[in-house]
Amino acid sequence: MTTLNTNDFDFHLPEELIAQTPLEKRDASKLLMVNRKTGEFQDRHFHSIIEMLEPGDALVMNDTRVLPARLHGQKEETGGHAELLLLKNTAGDEWEVLAKPAKRLKVGARVIFGDGRLSAVVTEELTHGGRSVRFEYEGIFLEVLESLGEMPLPPYIHEKLDDRERYQTVYAKESGSAAAPTAGLHFTKELLEEIQQKGVHLVYLTLHVGLGTFRPVSVDNLDEHEMHSEFYQLSEEAAATLRQVKENGGRVIAVGTTSIRTLETIGSKFDGQIQADSGWTNIFIKPGYDWKVVDAFSTNFHLPKSTLVMLVSAFAGRELVLQAYQHAIDEKYRFFSFGDAMFIY
């Protein structure tokens, strides 16, 4: 097999197609149906995803909840502004964060937030502006964070978000993500009820999305790319439902690349079997990958040269995916986190 190059997944995206705000109605977004067997495209609206689901299928969603993980504070020593972006809870009150200005935050530096109810002490310097910090606070950490933190929107979104619940799925439950599993933003509670009434199993798993999602691939040869790690969890109840669906000839339909990463991590670990599991995954799904669990999926449109475009290409073929992206550009679909979606089957 020929070695794949990062540039093989590049495409030109006009900047005006990057969605800056969510639509008023979640399921009013466009949906590009892509048949990977025939190469046929259909332009629809998201609500019509229900027509693609059959009784006995499982729709698998990531119930992670985005932390208001961006904190603005002052250095205790100088009063200078400092910003921390929470990336990963490593142990107890210890977190890995992205710090600005990082070079001024040495080990031992303390940053104060709000009225002093929350502070952070730098315990270790990491690469790329990363720091390990220990938080000190009164009360319950997540409640303090909810009152002081800002939603960490992706770097390509420049508009302010008026309602921060619009960067959460309607089924978000388990706090821990640095970014939303954006394929799920299109679902409404009403649409999920309709899907369930059709006889489709609604199955939830958790994968806490890291900011590595937005990081461009910096090497030419994909074999040299190191994936970031993200924490995932699949319960015994969810695993049992998915096993039953497979045994009965139903399809496992994933919502978004985070659900795909979790399901395929478990499938790879247990020889194609679906079992309850939790841990850290750095799975890199690229063309040539042997699919274990997922039969179809919905996903948003991703950044050029990103690992997410590579993942979608592993399922539908690079040429077809790039054709679908060009079709979406020609038809003025909206791209990235607040953008439109595609359904590949």
Protein backbone atom coordinates (compact mmCIF):
# COMPACT_ATOMS: atom_id res chain seq x y z
CA MET A 1 0.00 0.00 0.00
CA THR A 2 1.32 3.45 -0.85
CA THR A 3 2.32 5.71 2.01
CA LEU A 4 -0.28 8.37 2.65
CA ASN A 5 0.72 11.99 2.83
CA THR A 6 -1.00 14.68 4.89
CA ASN A 7 -1.46 16.80 1.74
CA ASP A 8 -3.60 14.01 0.25
CA PHE A 9 -6.36 15.24 2.59
CA ASP A 10 -6.16 18.93 1.78
CA PHE A 11 -8.92 20.97 0.16
CA HIS A 12 -9.65 24.65 -0.30
CA LEU A 13 -12.38 25.94 2.01
CA PRO A 14 -13.69 29.51 1.51
CA GLU A 15 -13.54 31.19 4.92
CA GLU A 16 -17.14 32.42 4.69
CA LEU A 17 -18.34 28.79 4.92
CA ILE A 18 -16.95 28.39 8.47
CA ALA A 19 -20.08 28.60 10.64
CA GLN A 20 -19.63 31.22 13.37
CA THR A 21 -22.94 30.74 15.19
CA PRO A 22 -25.37 27.83 15.62
CA LEU A 23 -28.67 27.80 13.74
CA GLU A 24 -31.74 28.75 15.74
CA LYS A 25 -33.20 25.25 15.32
CA ARG A 26 -30.75 22.41 15.88
CA ASP A 27 -32.17 19.95 13.35
CA ALA A 28 -32.66 22.56 10.60
CA SER A 29 -29.06 22.15 9.48
CA LYS A 30 -28.33 20.55 6.11
CA LEU A 31 -27.47 16.87 5.84
CA LEU A 32 -25.47 15.46 2.95
CA MET A 33 -26.32 11.77 2.47
CA VAL A 34 -23.34 9.85 1.06
CA ASN A 35 -23.81 6.30 -0.21
CA ARG A 36 -20.30 4.85 -0.12
CA LYS A 37 -21.28 1.86 -2.28
CA THR A 38 -22.79 3.82 -5.20
CA GLY A 39 -21.01 7.15 -4.66
CA GLU A 40 -24.39 8.91 -4.78
CA PHE A 41 -25.05 12.20 -2.90
CA GLN A 42 -28.38 13.56 -1.67
CA ASP A 43 -28.93 17.04 -0.19
CA ARG A 44 -31.40 16.87 2.70
CA HIS A 45 -32.05 18.46 6.10
CA PHE A 46 -30.87 16.90 9.33
CA HIS A 47 -34.31 15.84 10.52
CA SER A 48 -34.45 13.37 7.62
CA ILE A 49 -31.71 11.27 9.28
CA ILE A 50 -34.64 9.35 10.77
CA GLU A 51 -35.38 7.94 7.29
CA MET A 52 -31.92 6.35 7.24
CA LEU A 53 -32.47 4.48 10.52
CA GLU A 54 -34.23 1.10 10.66
CA PRO A 55 -36.02 -0.59 13.58
CA GLY A 56 -33.43 -2.70 15.41
CA ASP A 57 -30.51 -0.36 14.61
CA ALA A 58 -28.53 1.29 17.42
CA LEU A 59 -27.78 5.03 17.36
CA VAL A 60 -24.66 5.57 19.49
CA MET A 61 -24.04 9.01 21.01
CA ASN A 62 -21.32 10.55 23.16
CA ASP A 63 -22.86 12.02 26.33
CA THR A 64 -19.79 14.01 27.40
CA ARG A 65 -20.42 17.54 28.65
CA VAL A 66 -18.08 20.43 27.79
CA LEU A 67 -16.44 22.07 30.78
CA PRO A 68 -16.44 25.90 30.83
CA ALA A 69 -12.72 25.28 30.80
CA ARG A 70 -11.24 28.69 29.95
CA LEU A 71 -10.30 30.67 33.07
CA HIS A 72 -9.07 34.28 33.19
CA GLY A 73 -7.17 35.36 36.30
CA GLN A 74 -4.28 37.36 37.72
CA LYS A 75 -0.83 36.24 38.75
CA GLU A 76 -0.60 36.60 42.53
CA GLU A 77 2.93 38.01 42.36
CA THR A 78 2.51 40.71 39.69
CA GLY A 79 -1.23 41.10 39.08
CA GLY A 80 -0.57 40.36 35.40
CA HIS A 81 -3.30 38.65 33.35
CA ALA A 82 -3.10 34.87 32.95
CA GLU A 83 -5.33 32.44 31.11
CA LEU A 84 -5.63 28.71 31.74
CA LEU A 85 -7.47 26.26 29.50
CA LEU A 86 -8.22 22.97 31.27
CA LEU A 87 -7.28 19.95 29.17
CA LYS A 88 -7.20 16.89 31.39
CA ASN A 89 -7.85 15.98 35.02
CA THR A 90 -4.78 13.90 35.89
CA ALA A 91 -5.45 13.17 39.59
CA GLY A 92 -7.59 14.73 42.32
CA ASP A 93 -7.27 18.51 41.92
CA GLU A 94 -4.32 18.20 39.51
CA TRP A 95 -5.01 19.26 35.91
CA GLU A 96 -3.07 19.53 32.71
CA VAL A 97 -3.74 22.98 31.23
CA LEU A 98 -2.71 25.21 28.36
CA ALA A 99 -1.31 28.43 29.86
CA LYS A 100 -0.96 31.97 28.48
CA PRO A 101 1.50 33.60 28.73
CA ALA A 102 3.18 30.27 29.43
CA LYS A 103 6.73 31.60 29.73
CA ARG A 104 5.69 33.74 32.71
CA LEU A 105 4.10 30.85 34.57
CA LYS A 106 6.97 28.95 36.13
CA VAL A 107 6.71 26.19 38.74
CA GLY A 108 5.37 27.68 41.98
CA ALA A 109 3.50 30.56 40.32
CA ARG A 110 -0.04 31.07 41.62
CA VAL A 111 -2.98 32.41 39.60
CA ILE A 112 -6.07 33.82 41.34
CA PHE A 113 -9.53 33.66 39.69
CA GLY A 114 -12.67 35.68 40.41
CA ASP A 115 -12.96 36.81 44.02
CA GLY A 116 -10.29 34.37 45.15
CA ARG A 117 -12.61 31.36 45.53
CA LEU A 118 -10.36 29.55 43.08
CA SER A 119 -6.60 29.58 42.59
CA ALA A 120 -4.09 27.42 40.73
CA VAL A 121 -0.47 26.66 41.54
CA VAL A 122 1.87 25.55 38.73
CA THR A 123 3.45 22.20 39.67
CA GLU A 124 5.18 21.24 36.40
CA GLU A 125 6.14 22.74 33.03
CA LEU A 126 5.07 20.71 29.98
CA THR A 127 5.71 21.18 26.25
CA HIS A 128 3.80 23.50 23.85
CA GLY A 129 2.67 25.93 26.56
CA GLY A 130 1.28 23.13 28.74
CA ARG A 131 1.44 23.20 32.54
CA SER A 132 0.40 20.90 35.36
CA VAL A 133 -1.46 22.86 38.02
CA ARG A 134 -3.09 22.10 41.36
CA PHE A 135 -6.37 23.90 42.00
CA GLU A 136 -7.34 25.18 45.45
CA TYR A 137 -10.97 26.22 46.09
CA GLU A 138 -13.90 26.21 48.47
CA GLY A 139 -16.95 24.06 47.73
CA ILE A 140 -17.45 21.78 44.72
CA PHE A 141 -14.92 22.24 41.92
CA LEU A 142 -17.33 21.82 38.98
CA GLU A 143 -19.76 24.33 40.51
CA VAL A 144 -16.97 26.88 41.00
CA LEU A 145 -15.85 26.26 37.41
CA GLU A 146 -19.43 26.72 36.08
CA SER A 147 -19.59 30.17 37.73
CA LEU A 148 -16.10 31.40 36.73
CA GLY A 149 -15.20 29.59 33.50
CA GLU A 150 -15.90 30.41 29.85
CA MET A 151 -16.86 27.92 27.14
CA PRO A 152 -13.68 27.08 25.16
CA LEU A 153 -14.94 27.56 21.61
CA PRO A 154 -12.66 26.32 18.80
CA PRO A 155 -10.03 28.80 17.49
CA TYR A 156 -11.84 29.30 14.16
CA ILE A 157 -14.99 30.68 15.87
CA HIS A 158 -14.69 34.41 16.41
CA GLU A 159 -18.29 35.26 17.39
CA LYS A 160 -19.38 35.28 21.04
CA LEU A 161 -21.83 32.52 21.95
CA ASP A 162 -24.93 34.00 23.63
CA ASP A 163 -26.31 30.73 24.98
CA ARG A 164 -23.57 28.38 26.07
CA GLU A 165 -25.96 25.41 26.11
CA ARG A 166 -25.84 25.60 22.28
CA TYR A 167 -22.29 24.23 22.51
CA GLN A 168 -23.65 21.22 24.43
CA THR A 169 -25.68 18.33 23.03
CA VAL A 170 -29.21 17.97 24.45
CA TYR A 171 -28.04 14.69 26.06
CA ALA A 172 -24.76 16.01 27.52
CA LYS A 173 -24.28 14.52 30.99
CA GLU A 174 -20.71 13.53 31.95
CA SER A 175 -18.55 16.65 32.51
CA GLY A 176 -14.99 16.45 31.21
CA SER A 177 -14.60 17.64 27.60
CA ALA A 178 -12.48 20.50 26.30
CA ALA A 179 -14.66 20.58 23.15
CA ALA A 180 -18.14 19.44 22.14
CA PRO A 181 -18.83 16.22 20.21
CA THR A 182 -20.28 18.46 17.51
CA ALA A 183 -22.05 15.82 15.37
CA GLY A 184 -24.53 15.53 18.23
CA LEU A 185 -25.43 19.24 18.26
CA HIS A 186 -28.04 18.65 15.51
CA PHE A 187 -30.31 16.43 17.61
CA THR A 188 -33.33 17.75 19.50
CA LYS A 189 -35.09 15.87 22.29
CA GLU A 190 -38.14 15.59 20.01
CA LEU A 191 -36.12 14.05 17.16
CA LEU A 192 -34.53 11.52 19.55
CA GLU A 193 -38.01 10.56 20.81
CA GLU A 194 -39.19 10.04 17.21
CA ILE A 195 -36.12 7.88 16.49
CA GLN A 196 -36.75 5.78 19.59
CA GLN A 197 -40.45 5.37 18.69
CA LYS A 198 -39.33 3.99 15.32
CA GLY A 199 -37.71 1.08 17.19
CA VAL A 200 -34.11 2.33 17.12
CA HIS A 201 -32.03 1.75 20.28
CA LEU A 202 -30.51 4.95 21.73
CA VAL A 203 -27.12 4.02 23.22
CA TYR A 204 -24.78 6.37 25.09
CA LEU A 205 -21.05 6.17 25.72
CA THR A 206 -18.58 8.75 26.99
CA LEU A 207 -15.43 10.09 25.39
CA HIS A 208 -13.99 13.31 26.79
CA VAL A 209 -12.84 15.31 23.77
CA GLY A 210 -9.34 16.80 24.03
CA LEU A 211 -8.06 19.89 22.22
CA GLY A 212 -5.82 17.61 20.16
CA THR A 213 -8.94 17.31 17.99
CA PHE A 214 -8.17 20.76 16.56
CA ARG A 215 -4.43 20.26 16.24
CA PRO A 216 -3.29 20.03 12.61
CA VAL A 217 -1.15 17.10 11.55
CA SER A 218 2.41 18.46 11.51
CA VAL A 219 4.18 15.57 9.73
CA ASP A 220 4.01 14.71 6.01
CA ASN A 221 3.99 10.93 6.45
CA LEU A 222 0.87 9.81 8.35
CA ASP A 223 2.73 6.84 9.82
CA GLU A 224 4.79 9.30 11.85
CA HIS A 225 1.79 11.14 13.37
CA GLU A 226 1.24 10.66 17.11
CA MET A 227 -2.40 10.87 18.19
CA HIS A 228 -3.49 12.58 21.40
CA SER A 229 -5.12 10.43 24.11
CA GLU A 230 -8.73 10.77 25.24
CA PHE A 231 -10.63 9.06 28.07
CA TYR A 232 -13.56 6.82 27.10
CA GLN A 233 -16.15 4.65 28.86
CA LEU A 234 -18.78 2.14 27.69
CA SER A 235 -21.13 0.63 30.28
CA GLU A 236 -22.14 -3.03 30.48
CA GLU A 237 -25.75 -2.08 29.69
CA ALA A 238 -24.69 -0.22 26.52
CA ALA A 239 -22.33 -3.03 25.46
CA ALA A 240 -25.09 -5.64 25.94
CA THR A 241 -27.51 -3.61 23.78
CA LEU A 242 -24.92 -3.27 21.01
CA ARG A 243 -24.12 -7.01 21.09
CA GLN A 244 -27.84 -7.78 20.83
CA VAL A 245 -28.25 -5.37 17.90
CA LYS A 246 -25.36 -7.01 16.03
CA GLU A 247 -26.66 -10.54 16.76
CA ASN A 248 -30.11 -9.56 15.42
CA GLY A 249 -28.64 -8.17 12.19
CA GLY A 250 -29.11 -4.49 13.11
CA ARG A 251 -26.56 -1.78 12.38
CA VAL A 252 -24.41 0.19 14.79
CA ILE A 253 -24.71 3.82 13.68
CA ALA A 254 -22.31 6.22 15.38
CA VAL A 255 -22.93 9.91 15.93
CA GLY A 256 -19.61 11.63 15.33
CA THR A 257 -15.95 10.71 15.28
CA THR A 258 -15.72 10.53 19.10
CA SER A 259 -18.31 7.73 19.22
CA ILE A 260 -16.49 6.02 16.35
CA ARG A 261 -13.14 6.24 18.15
CA THR A 262 -14.62 4.68 21.29
CA LEU A 263 -16.42 1.84 19.50
CA GLU A 264 -13.48 0.99 17.27
CA THR A 265 -11.01 1.17 20.18
CA ILE A 266 -13.11 -1.44 22.01
CA GLY A 267 -13.60 -3.52 18.86
CA SER A 268 -9.84 -3.52 18.21
CA LYS A 269 -9.07 -4.41 21.83
CA PHE A 270 -11.51 -7.34 22.02
CA ASP A 271 -11.14 -8.90 18.53
CA GLY A 272 -14.31 -7.36 17.12
CA GLN A 273 -16.39 -8.09 20.24
CA ILE A 274 -18.21 -5.29 22.06
CA GLN A 275 -17.50 -5.30 25.79
CA ALA A 276 -17.87 -2.83 28.65
CA ASP A 277 -14.59 -0.99 28.98
CA SER A 278 -12.95 2.27 29.99
CA GLY A 279 -9.49 3.75 29.55
CA TRP A 280 -7.47 6.05 27.32
CA THR A 281 -7.44 5.79 23.55
CA ASN A 282 -5.03 7.22 20.99
CA ILE A 283 -6.45 5.22 18.05
CA PHE A 284 -5.60 6.72 14.65
CA ILE A 285 -8.14 5.60 12.05
CA LYS A 286 -6.85 6.26 8.55
CA PRO A 287 -7.32 4.66 5.11
CA GLY A 288 -6.43 0.98 5.25
CA TYR A 289 -8.04 0.58 8.68
CA ASP A 290 -10.04 -2.64 9.20
CA TRP A 291 -13.44 -1.62 10.65
CA LYS A 292 -14.69 -3.73 13.56
CA VAL A 293 -17.97 -2.28 14.88
CA VAL A 294 -19.38 0.78 13.08
CA ASP A 295 -21.73 0.26 10.10
CA ALA A 296 -22.68 3.88 9.30
CA PHE A 297 -22.29 7.30 10.91
CA SER A 298 -23.15 10.98 10.91
CA THR A 299 -20.43 13.60 11.27
CA ASN A 300 -19.81 17.28 10.67
CA PHE A 301 -17.44 18.65 8.00
CA HIS A 302 -13.88 18.78 9.31
CA LEU A 303 -10.72 20.83 8.87
CA PRO A 304 -8.45 20.23 5.87
CA LYS A 305 -5.57 17.81 6.57
CA SER A 306 -7.09 16.82 9.95
CA THR A 307 -7.11 13.32 11.43
CA LEU A 308 -10.93 13.52 11.30
CA VAL A 309 -10.99 13.85 7.49
CA MET A 310 -8.63 10.86 7.46
CA LEU A 311 -11.00 8.87 9.67
CA VAL A 312 -13.98 9.60 7.39
CA SER A 313 -11.80 8.66 4.37
CA ALA A 314 -10.96 5.33 6.02
CA PHE A 315 -14.69 4.51 5.91
CA ALA A 316 -15.81 5.92 2.56
CA GLY A 317 -12.57 6.22 0.54
CA ARG A 318 -10.45 9.34 0.13
CA GLU A 319 -11.64 10.23 -3.39
CA LEU A 320 -15.33 9.97 -2.50
CA VAL A 321 -14.89 12.00 0.69
CA LEU A 322 -13.05 14.78 -1.14
CA GLN A 323 -15.79 14.76 -3.81
CA ALA A 324 -18.42 15.02 -1.06
CA TYR A 325 -16.55 17.94 0.51
CA GLN A 326 -16.34 19.69 -2.86
CA HIS A 327 -20.08 19.11 -3.35
CA ALA A 328 -20.72 20.62 0.11
CA ILE A 329 -18.56 23.66 -0.75
CA ASP A 330 -20.34 24.14 -4.09
CA GLU A 331 -23.74 23.89 -2.35
CA LYS A 332 -22.65 26.37 0.38
CA TYR A 333 -22.89 23.94 3.29
CA ARG A 334 -21.70 25.37 6.63
CA PHE A 335 -18.47 23.85 7.99
CA PHE A 336 -16.95 22.78 11.32
CA SER A 337 -18.43 22.83 14.85
CA PHE A 338 -21.61 24.87 14.27
CA GLY A 339 -21.91 23.72 10.67
CA ASP A 340 -23.92 21.14 8.74
CA ALA A 341 -23.57 17.36 8.76
CA MET A 342 -23.09 14.36 6.51
CA PHE A 343 -24.46 10.82 6.88
CA ILE A 344 -22.29 8.07 5.39
CA TYR A 345 -23.70 4.59 4.89
